[in-house]
């Protein structure tokens, strides 16, 4: 979770001094300073995983 604004994302890479996060279900990546990454509460992680699974299942032709 980005500690600056509470957005939840999956770490998708590192570029320069930043960690790149991607939102559940896809979307644009954003940069977060590593020192501002926060753990995600369990309920929020489960909800994010469900959004990601729903997004993936909607892409199946």
C-alpha atoms as a PDB file:
ATOM      1  CA  UNK A   1       0.000   0.000   0.000  1.00  0.00           C
ATOM      2  CA  UNK A   2       1.230   3.470  -0.873  1.00  0.00           C
ATOM      3  CA  UNK A   3       1.550   5.220   2.468  1.00  0.00           C
ATOM      4  CA  UNK A   4       1.029   8.625   0.854  1.00  0.00           C
ATOM      5  CA  UNK A   5      -2.567   8.090  -0.226  1.00  0.00           C
ATOM      6  CA  UNK A   6      -3.579   4.544   0.771  1.00  0.00           C
ATOM      7  CA  UNK A   7      -3.770   3.138  -2.761  1.00  0.00           C
ATOM      8  CA  UNK A   8      -3.281  -0.624  -2.868  1.00  0.00           C
ATOM      9  CA  UNK A   9      -1.042  -2.089  -5.525  1.00  0.00           C
ATOM     10  CA  UNK A  10       1.053  -5.083  -6.370  1.00  0.00           C
ATOM     11  CA  UNK A  11       4.778  -4.515  -6.706  1.00  0.00           C
ATOM     12  CA  UNK A  12       5.523  -4.841 -10.402  1.00  0.00           C
ATOM     13  CA  UNK A  13       9.119  -3.649 -10.498  1.00  0.00           C
ATOM     14  CA  UNK A  14      11.748  -1.186  -9.438  1.00  0.00           C
ATOM     15  CA  UNK A  15      12.924   1.806 -11.415  1.00  0.00           C
ATOM     16  CA  UNK A  16      15.563   4.084 -10.038  1.00  0.00           C
ATOM     17  CA  UNK A  17      14.881   4.887  -6.389  1.00  0.00           C
ATOM     18  CA  UNK A  18      11.185   3.921  -6.666  1.00  0.00           C
ATOM     19  CA  UNK A  19       9.082   0.791  -6.397  1.00  0.00           C
ATOM     20  CA  UNK A  20       6.459   0.470  -9.112  1.00  0.00           C
ATOM     21  CA  UNK A  21       2.966  -0.541  -8.044  1.00  0.00           C
ATOM     22  CA  UNK A  22       0.071  -1.667 -10.237  1.00  0.00           C
ATOM     23  CA  UNK A  23      -3.527  -1.556  -8.995  1.00  0.00           C
ATOM     24  CA  UNK A  24      -5.550  -4.760  -8.617  1.00  0.00           C
ATOM     25  CA  UNK A  25      -7.380  -5.539 -11.817  1.00  0.00           C
ATOM     26  CA  UNK A  26      -4.814  -3.748 -13.950  1.00  0.00           C
ATOM     27  CA  UNK A  27      -4.303  -0.141 -14.756  1.00  0.00           C
ATOM     28  CA  UNK A  28      -1.484   2.325 -14.843  1.00  0.00           C
ATOM     29  CA  UNK A  29       1.547   1.747 -12.669  1.00  0.00           C
ATOM     30  CA  UNK A  30       2.708   4.421 -10.307  1.00  0.00           C
ATOM     31  CA  UNK A  31       5.943   5.051  -8.437  1.00  0.00           C
ATOM     32  CA  UNK A  32       6.247   4.905  -4.686  1.00  0.00           C
ATOM     33  CA  UNK A  33       9.324   5.588  -2.576  1.00  0.00           C
ATOM     34  CA  UNK A  34      10.266   2.315  -0.829  1.00  0.00           C
ATOM     35  CA  UNK A  35      10.207   3.984   2.582  1.00  0.00           C
ATOM     36  CA  UNK A  36       6.528   4.819   2.152  1.00  0.00           C
ATOM     37  CA  UNK A  37       5.327   1.297   1.361  1.00  0.00           C
ATOM     38  CA  UNK A  38       2.946  -0.003   4.008  1.00  0.00           C
ATOM     39  CA  UNK A  39       1.445  -3.368   4.759  1.00  0.00           C
ATOM     40  CA  UNK A  40      -2.120  -3.939   3.665  1.00  0.00           C
ATOM     41  CA  UNK A  41      -4.793  -4.982   6.185  1.00  0.00           C
ATOM     42  CA  UNK A  42      -5.924  -8.548   5.543  1.00  0.00           C
ATOM     43  CA  UNK A  43      -9.467  -7.579   4.499  1.00  0.00           C
ATOM     44  CA  UNK A  44      -8.114  -5.047   2.007  1.00  0.00           C
ATOM     45  CA  UNK A  45      -5.676  -7.592   0.567  1.00  0.00           C
ATOM     46  CA  UNK A  46      -8.504 -10.106   0.089  1.00  0.00           C
ATOM     47  CA  UNK A  47     -10.722  -7.504  -1.587  1.00  0.00           C
ATOM     48  CA  UNK A  48      -7.853  -6.498  -3.887  1.00  0.00           C
ATOM     49  CA  UNK A  49      -7.205 -10.145  -4.788  1.00  0.00           C
ATOM     50  CA  UNK A  50     -10.888 -10.644  -5.594  1.00  0.00           C
ATOM     51  CA  UNK A  51     -10.859  -7.582  -7.892  1.00  0.00           C
ATOM     52  CA  UNK A  52      -7.767  -8.969  -9.608  1.00  0.00           C
ATOM     53  CA  UNK A  53      -9.361 -12.401 -10.126  1.00  0.00           C
ATOM     54  CA  UNK A  54     -12.565 -10.838 -11.464  1.00  0.00           C
ATOM     55  CA  UNK A  55     -10.573  -8.721 -13.879  1.00  0.00           C
ATOM     56  CA  UNK A  56      -8.591 -11.739 -15.087  1.00  0.00           C
ATOM     57  CA  UNK A  57     -11.728 -13.843 -15.588  1.00  0.00           C
ATOM     58  CA  UNK A  58     -13.351 -11.094 -17.655  1.00  0.00           C
ATOM     59  CA  UNK A  59     -10.403 -11.200 -20.083  1.00  0.00           C
ATOM     60  CA  UNK A  60     -10.898 -14.873 -20.973  1.00  0.00           C
ATOM     61  CA  UNK A  61     -12.476 -15.045 -24.457  1.00  0.00           C
END
